[in-house]
């Protein structure tokens, strides 16, 4: 694809500063290089969801998020792709691509109104992808991707090698400062050879779709911890009462989120195939709670510390900006309404513990 596919390794903290801020392009390249290193040295070969070590998986994503949210966005996509492929194999899907050393995967499944990606079958039983896919994180860093595309009215999942002859990142399709290092661009496909990964609907209907959603929340949680670290350091220096009050509130919420991940991982490992039907509700609960915690951390750290860290600490300012954008993978009141509907359904059917009707 580009020279970055074989780029030398480097650390995300090594970008040079320009005009008191950060060299955004240099940071993006450093993140891509670090992502490459993590894939090649096996750091991203994480335990699969439901393997009995799900909490270790989420903790690894949280730790990467504390380092850099752009980096963890690439890492989370890669590890999610490996989990999807493993789950589809377990479900009996055949002819899936191999997970070979050095391949850097993304999962590109966003389908907003507008641009459409179409999959057309070929005479030899394969498929070709044509059209534009938006929100492709790692557009210039990944070598392969799992991509959703339309086959008539259905939505299918396809594995595709990102050959530059058939897949081209659309320059300038991400103009925001937030999450710039995630290299989230539109990707234009032109008759790209692809392999269908399961029947239509397989991507959304498998239990792992919900398990993966909690993995994203683990990344948000790491970002919140990184923002809170600035508050913790300031409180240690000054001990000002209002700063300490905000720190106390932040600390309590982060600890509550951590405990919720413990519980969710234990439940998931006890029922990885979702025979009890609780995966969707569990994922919605965790994501909604963690999004609320992270949003409150952003609010409280800003209230406690003012403009100083945003103006003079480039790393903190970038994390705040990145996390603000990243959290919008949670769809606010729309997702909360879905959670409310699911919670009512759980009460009606005597479902998961933790949802109980209040006495009138």
Protein backbone atom coordinates (compact mmCIF):
# COMPACT_ATOMS: atom_id res chain seq x y z
CA UNK A 1 0.00 0.00 0.00
CA UNK A 2 2.27 2.80 1.23
CA UNK A 3 5.79 2.81 2.58
CA UNK A 4 4.29 2.68 6.07
CA UNK A 5 3.42 -1.00 5.60
CA UNK A 6 7.08 -1.76 6.14
CA UNK A 7 7.86 1.33 8.18
CA UNK A 8 10.54 1.25 10.86
CA UNK A 9 9.32 1.10 14.40
CA UNK A 10 9.16 4.08 16.72
CA UNK A 11 7.47 5.34 19.86
CA UNK A 12 4.38 7.58 19.79
CA UNK A 13 6.02 9.96 22.22
CA UNK A 14 8.85 10.71 19.83
CA UNK A 15 7.07 13.24 17.62
CA UNK A 16 8.72 16.66 17.45
CA UNK A 17 6.93 19.75 18.69
CA UNK A 18 6.02 22.50 16.27
CA UNK A 19 5.03 25.97 17.42
CA UNK A 20 4.40 24.86 20.99
CA UNK A 21 2.07 22.06 19.90
CA UNK A 22 2.52 18.66 18.33
CA UNK A 23 3.48 17.75 14.80
CA UNK A 24 0.24 15.96 13.93
CA UNK A 25 1.58 14.18 10.88
CA UNK A 26 4.73 13.14 12.73
CA UNK A 27 2.61 11.79 15.56
CA UNK A 28 0.42 9.84 13.15
CA UNK A 29 3.47 8.25 11.53
CA UNK A 30 4.98 7.39 14.91
CA UNK A 31 1.73 5.75 16.01
CA UNK A 32 1.59 3.74 12.76
CA UNK A 33 5.17 2.60 13.32
CA UNK A 34 4.45 1.60 16.92
CA UNK A 35 1.34 -0.28 15.81
CA UNK A 36 3.50 -2.15 13.30
CA UNK A 37 6.00 -3.05 16.03
CA UNK A 38 3.29 -4.28 18.41
CA UNK A 39 1.85 -6.55 15.73
CA UNK A 40 5.21 -7.94 14.66
CA UNK A 41 6.46 -8.68 18.19
CA UNK A 42 3.21 -10.40 19.22
CA UNK A 43 2.17 -7.85 21.83
CA UNK A 44 -1.30 -7.69 20.26
CA UNK A 45 -1.87 -11.44 20.35
CA UNK A 46 -4.31 -10.95 23.22
CA UNK A 47 -6.50 -13.58 24.89
CA UNK A 48 -9.75 -14.03 22.99
CA UNK A 49 -13.06 -12.90 24.53
CA UNK A 50 -14.57 -15.73 26.53
CA UNK A 51 -11.26 -17.58 26.77
CA UNK A 52 -11.15 -17.36 30.57
CA UNK A 53 -8.77 -14.41 30.35
CA UNK A 54 -11.11 -11.74 29.05
CA UNK A 55 -10.16 -9.33 31.84
CA UNK A 56 -6.51 -9.55 30.76
CA UNK A 57 -7.56 -8.66 27.23
CA UNK A 58 -9.43 -5.56 28.33
CA UNK A 59 -6.66 -4.54 30.73
CA UNK A 60 -4.15 -4.65 27.87
CA UNK A 61 -6.35 -2.36 25.77
CA UNK A 62 -6.79 0.01 28.73
CA UNK A 63 -3.02 0.19 29.23
CA UNK A 64 -2.45 1.02 25.55
CA UNK A 65 -5.18 3.66 25.72
CA UNK A 66 -3.40 5.31 28.65
CA UNK A 67 -0.35 5.63 26.39
CA UNK A 68 -2.12 6.95 23.29
CA UNK A 69 -5.72 6.80 22.09
CA UNK A 70 -4.76 6.83 18.41
CA UNK A 71 -2.53 3.82 19.00
CA UNK A 72 -5.18 1.86 20.90
CA UNK A 73 -7.74 2.57 18.17
CA UNK A 74 -5.51 0.71 15.71
CA UNK A 75 -4.70 -2.02 18.24
CA UNK A 76 -8.34 -2.55 19.19
CA UNK A 77 -9.35 -2.91 15.52
CA UNK A 78 -6.59 -5.44 14.89
CA UNK A 79 -7.37 -7.52 17.97
CA UNK A 80 -11.10 -7.37 17.24
CA UNK A 81 -10.50 -8.66 13.70
CA UNK A 82 -8.53 -11.63 15.06
CA UNK A 83 -11.36 -12.36 17.51
CA UNK A 84 -13.99 -12.13 14.76
CA UNK A 85 -12.08 -14.53 12.51
CA UNK A 86 -11.57 -16.99 15.38
CA UNK A 87 -15.26 -16.87 16.31
CA UNK A 88 -16.40 -17.38 12.73
CA UNK A 89 -14.14 -20.42 12.43
CA UNK A 90 -15.66 -21.84 15.62
CA UNK A 91 -19.10 -21.27 14.10
CA UNK A 92 -18.12 -23.37 11.09
CA UNK A 93 -17.45 -20.66 8.51
CA UNK A 94 -15.03 -22.03 5.92
CA UNK A 95 -12.45 -20.49 3.57
CA UNK A 96 -11.56 -17.63 5.90
CA UNK A 97 -8.18 -15.93 5.41
CA UNK A 98 -5.32 -17.07 7.60
CA UNK A 99 -4.07 -14.99 10.51
CA UNK A 100 -0.44 -14.73 9.43
CA UNK A 101 2.40 -12.98 11.25
CA UNK A 102 2.82 -9.35 10.27
CA UNK A 103 -0.66 -8.81 8.89
CA UNK A 104 -2.23 -5.71 10.39
CA UNK A 105 -6.01 -5.88 10.45
CA UNK A 106 -8.79 -3.36 10.76
CA UNK A 107 -12.55 -3.82 11.19
CA UNK A 108 -14.45 -1.33 9.05
CA UNK A 109 -18.16 -1.69 9.69
CA UNK A 110 -19.54 1.87 9.85
CA UNK A 111 -22.49 2.44 7.55
CA UNK A 112 -23.69 6.04 7.84
CA UNK A 113 -26.12 7.43 5.25
CA UNK A 114 -24.56 8.36 1.95
CA UNK A 115 -21.55 6.50 0.63
CA UNK A 116 -22.11 2.81 -0.01
CA UNK A 117 -19.81 -0.15 -0.57
CA UNK A 118 -21.20 -2.89 -2.79
CA UNK A 119 -20.08 -6.53 -2.98
CA UNK A 120 -20.57 -8.31 -6.31
CA UNK A 121 -20.04 -12.07 -6.77
CA UNK A 122 -17.70 -13.30 -9.49
CA UNK A 123 -17.98 -16.40 -11.66
CA UNK A 124 -15.27 -18.20 -9.68
CA UNK A 125 -17.22 -17.92 -6.44
CA UNK A 126 -15.28 -14.96 -5.01
CA UNK A 127 -16.35 -11.36 -4.57
CA UNK A 128 -15.35 -7.86 -5.65
CA UNK A 129 -15.86 -4.72 -3.55
CA UNK A 130 -16.59 -1.39 -5.24
CA UNK A 131 -17.49 1.93 -3.67
CA UNK A 132 -16.44 4.05 -0.71
CA UNK A 133 -16.21 2.91 2.90
CA UNK A 134 -16.15 5.71 5.51
CA UNK A 135 -14.39 5.75 8.89
CA UNK A 136 -11.60 3.28 8.09
CA UNK A 137 -9.21 3.53 11.03
CA UNK A 138 -5.66 2.63 10.07
CA UNK A 139 -6.35 3.33 6.41
CA UNK A 140 -2.61 3.69 5.67
CA UNK A 141 -1.33 1.39 8.44
CA UNK A 142 -3.39 -1.78 7.95
CA UNK A 143 -2.57 -4.50 5.43
CA UNK A 144 -5.95 -6.27 5.64
CA UNK A 145 -9.46 -5.49 6.81
CA UNK A 146 -12.80 -7.04 7.63
CA UNK A 147 -15.31 -4.81 5.85
CA UNK A 148 -19.09 -4.75 5.77
CA UNK A 149 -20.62 -4.27 2.35
CA UNK A 150 -24.06 -4.48 0.77
CA UNK A 151 -25.17 -7.45 -1.28
CA UNK A 152 -28.51 -6.18 -2.48
CA UNK A 153 -30.54 -5.45 0.65
CA UNK A 154 -28.36 -7.63 2.90
CA UNK A 155 -25.24 -6.66 4.81
CA UNK A 156 -22.28 -9.00 4.51
CA UNK A 157 -18.80 -9.20 6.00
CA UNK A 158 -15.79 -9.55 3.73
CA UNK A 159 -12.07 -10.03 4.23
CA UNK A 160 -9.94 -7.96 1.88
CA UNK A 161 -6.23 -7.40 1.34
CA UNK A 162 -5.54 -3.70 0.97
CA UNK A 163 -3.81 -3.80 -2.38
CA UNK A 164 -3.18 -0.22 -3.55
CA UNK A 165 -4.30 -1.23 -7.04
CA UNK A 166 -7.82 -1.73 -5.66
CA UNK A 167 -8.01 0.16 -2.33
CA UNK A 168 -7.11 3.84 -2.03
CA UNK A 169 -7.35 6.04 1.08
CA UNK A 170 -9.22 9.29 0.39
CA UNK A 171 -6.88 12.07 1.42
CA UNK A 172 -8.44 14.80 3.54
CA UNK A 173 -11.54 12.78 4.50
CA UNK A 174 -10.73 13.26 8.22
CA UNK A 175 -10.09 16.91 9.05
CA UNK A 176 -10.56 16.90 12.83
CA UNK A 177 -7.69 17.22 15.30
CA UNK A 178 -9.25 14.60 17.59
CA UNK A 179 -8.09 11.03 16.89
CA UNK A 180 -5.99 12.23 13.96
CA UNK A 181 -3.35 9.61 14.74
CA UNK A 182 -5.90 6.82 14.23
CA UNK A 183 -5.67 7.65 10.50
CA UNK A 184 -9.42 7.25 10.06
CA UNK A 185 -10.03 7.99 6.39
CA UNK A 186 -12.58 7.00 3.80
CA UNK A 187 -11.36 4.13 1.64
CA UNK A 188 -12.24 3.87 -2.03
CA UNK A 189 -12.46 0.31 -3.36
CA UNK A 190 -12.31 -0.46 -7.08
CA UNK A 191 -13.20 -4.09 -7.82
CA UNK A 192 -11.12 -5.23 -4.85
CA UNK A 193 -10.91 -9.04 -4.57
CA UNK A 194 -12.55 -10.18 -1.32
CA UNK A 195 -13.60 -13.30 0.55
CA UNK A 196 -17.02 -13.50 2.14
CA UNK A 197 -16.72 -14.12 5.88
CA UNK A 198 -19.90 -15.97 6.69
CA UNK A 199 -23.53 -15.58 5.61
CA UNK A 200 -25.31 -12.19 5.52
CA UNK A 201 -25.82 -10.84 9.02
CA UNK A 202 -23.07 -12.96 10.55
CA UNK A 203 -21.10 -9.94 11.76
CA UNK A 204 -23.91 -8.46 13.85
CA UNK A 205 -25.64 -11.66 14.94
CA UNK A 206 -22.70 -13.45 16.62
CA UNK A 207 -22.22 -13.07 20.40
CA UNK A 208 -18.75 -11.63 19.88
CA UNK A 209 -20.21 -8.46 18.39
CA UNK A 210 -21.31 -7.46 21.89
CA UNK A 211 -18.12 -8.74 23.52
CA UNK A 212 -16.13 -6.49 21.17
CA UNK A 213 -18.22 -3.49 22.17
CA UNK A 214 -16.96 -3.82 25.73
CA UNK A 215 -13.40 -3.87 24.38
CA UNK A 216 -14.02 -0.41 22.94
CA UNK A 217 -15.26 0.75 26.35
CA UNK A 218 -11.99 -0.53 27.85
CA UNK A 219 -10.22 1.89 25.52
CA UNK A 220 -12.43 4.78 26.63
CA UNK A 221 -11.65 3.84 30.21
CA UNK A 222 -7.91 4.01 29.54
CA UNK A 223 -8.33 7.45 28.00
CA UNK A 224 -10.24 8.61 31.07
CA UNK A 225 -7.47 7.30 33.32
CA UNK A 226 -4.90 9.23 31.28
CA UNK A 227 -6.88 12.46 31.63
CA UNK A 228 -7.35 11.82 35.35
CA UNK A 229 -3.60 11.37 35.81
CA UNK A 230 -3.12 15.08 35.13
CA UNK A 231 -5.63 15.90 37.87
CA UNK A 232 -3.95 13.47 40.27
CA UNK A 233 -0.54 15.07 39.67
CA UNK A 234 -1.95 18.57 40.18
CA UNK A 235 -3.68 17.54 43.42
CA UNK A 236 -0.44 16.04 44.72
CA UNK A 237 1.36 19.32 44.08
CA UNK A 238 -1.14 21.77 45.51
CA UNK A 239 -3.63 19.94 47.77
CA UNK A 240 -6.25 22.62 47.06
CA UNK A 241 -9.64 21.51 48.48
CA UNK A 242 -11.68 21.89 45.30
CA UNK A 243 -9.04 20.02 43.30
CA UNK A 244 -9.10 17.24 45.89
CA UNK A 245 -12.89 17.10 45.77
CA UNK A 246 -12.85 16.63 42.00
CA UNK A 247 -10.11 14.02 42.37
CA UNK A 248 -12.19 12.14 44.94
CA UNK A 249 -15.19 12.04 42.61
CA UNK A 250 -13.05 10.96 39.66
CA UNK A 251 -11.29 8.27 41.68
CA UNK A 252 -14.58 6.78 42.88
CA UNK A 253 -16.00 6.63 39.38
CA UNK A 254 -12.90 5.08 37.84
CA UNK A 255 -12.83 2.43 40.55
CA UNK A 256 -16.51 1.67 39.93
CA UNK A 257 -15.82 1.26 36.22
CA UNK A 258 -12.91 -1.04 36.98
CA UNK A 259 -15.16 -3.23 39.12
CA UNK A 260 -17.78 -3.32 36.39
CA UNK A 261 -15.18 -4.63 33.93
CA UNK A 262 -14.30 -7.36 36.46
CA UNK A 263 -17.92 -8.44 36.70
CA UNK A 264 -18.53 -8.27 32.94
CA UNK A 265 -15.43 -10.35 32.21
CA UNK A 266 -16.44 -13.01 34.73
CA UNK A 267 -19.94 -13.22 33.24
CA UNK A 268 -18.60 -13.37 29.69
CA UNK A 269 -16.05 -16.08 30.50
CA UNK A 270 -18.80 -18.13 32.18
CA UNK A 271 -21.03 -17.88 29.08
CA UNK A 272 -18.90 -17.04 26.01
CA UNK A 273 -21.51 -18.36 23.55
CA UNK A 274 -24.25 -16.24 25.17
CA UNK A 275 -26.55 -19.16 25.87
CA UNK A 276 -28.25 -17.06 28.56
CA UNK A 277 -28.86 -14.22 26.12
CA UNK A 278 -27.27 -11.52 28.26
CA UNK A 279 -24.44 -10.30 26.00
CA UNK A 280 -26.24 -7.37 24.39
CA UNK A 281 -27.60 -5.97 27.66
CA UNK A 282 -24.24 -6.44 29.37
CA UNK A 283 -22.41 -4.58 26.62
CA UNK A 284 -24.91 -1.71 26.60
CA UNK A 285 -24.65 -1.33 30.36
CA UNK A 286 -20.86 -1.29 30.40
CA UNK A 287 -20.56 1.07 27.44
CA UNK A 288 -23.14 3.51 28.80
CA UNK A 289 -21.62 3.56 32.27
CA UNK A 290 -18.04 3.97 31.05
CA UNK A 291 -19.06 6.69 28.60
CA UNK A 292 -20.69 8.56 31.48
CA UNK A 293 -17.64 8.13 33.68
CA UNK A 294 -15.25 9.29 30.96
CA UNK A 295 -17.43 12.28 30.14
CA UNK A 296 -17.53 13.27 33.81
CA UNK A 297 -13.75 12.88 34.10
CA UNK A 298 -13.31 15.28 31.18
CA UNK A 299 -15.72 17.73 32.82
CA UNK A 300 -14.21 17.56 36.32
CA UNK A 301 -10.58 17.76 35.20
CA UNK A 302 -11.41 20.83 33.15
CA UNK A 303 -13.28 22.43 36.05
CA UNK A 304 -10.51 21.66 38.51
CA UNK A 305 -7.50 22.68 36.44
CA UNK A 306 -8.80 25.32 34.06
CA UNK A 307 -7.07 26.12 30.78
CA UNK A 308 -3.51 25.60 32.00
CA UNK A 309 -2.95 21.94 31.04
CA UNK A 310 -4.89 22.38 27.79
CA UNK A 311 -2.70 25.31 26.83
CA UNK A 312 0.70 24.12 28.06
CA UNK A 313 0.68 20.32 28.23
CA UNK A 314 0.46 19.08 24.66
CA UNK A 315 0.06 15.42 25.58
CA UNK A 316 -2.84 16.15 27.94
CA UNK A 317 -4.50 18.45 25.41
CA UNK A 318 -4.26 15.77 22.73
CA UNK A 319 -5.72 13.10 25.03
CA UNK A 320 -8.66 15.35 25.96
CA UNK A 321 -9.34 16.09 22.30
CA UNK A 322 -8.96 12.46 21.27
CA UNK A 323 -11.18 11.13 24.05
CA UNK A 324 -13.91 13.67 23.27
CA UNK A 325 -14.08 12.31 19.72
CA UNK A 326 -13.61 8.64 20.65
CA UNK A 327 -16.53 8.70 23.09
CA UNK A 328 -18.89 9.51 20.26
CA UNK A 329 -18.79 5.88 19.25
CA UNK A 330 -21.41 5.82 21.97
CA UNK A 331 -24.55 7.31 20.43
CA UNK A 332 -25.78 9.19 23.48
CA UNK A 333 -29.50 9.11 24.16
CA UNK A 334 -30.12 6.72 21.28
CA UNK A 335 -27.96 4.08 22.96
CA UNK A 336 -29.45 4.88 26.37
CA UNK A 337 -32.94 4.36 24.95
CA UNK A 338 -31.85 0.98 23.56
CA UNK A 339 -30.47 0.10 26.99
CA UNK A 340 -33.74 1.11 28.64
CA UNK A 341 -35.71 -1.07 26.23
CA UNK A 342 -33.41 -4.04 26.87
CA UNK A 343 -33.58 -3.50 30.64
CA UNK A 344 -37.38 -3.55 30.56
CA UNK A 345 -37.25 -6.75 28.55
CA UNK A 346 -34.93 -8.33 31.10
CA UNK A 347 -37.33 -7.46 33.92
CA UNK A 348 -40.29 -8.85 31.99
CA UNK A 349 -38.55 -12.17 31.37
CA UNK A 350 -36.81 -12.46 34.74
CA UNK A 351 -33.48 -11.93 33.00
CA UNK A 352 -30.09 -10.80 34.21
CA UNK A 353 -29.50 -9.90 37.86
CA UNK A 354 -29.13 -6.25 38.61
CA UNK A 355 -32.35 -5.10 36.91
CA UNK A 356 -35.25 -5.15 39.31
CA UNK A 357 -38.58 -3.41 39.41
CA UNK A 358 -38.88 -0.80 42.13
CA UNK A 359 -41.89 -1.03 44.41
CA UNK A 360 -44.48 1.62 43.65
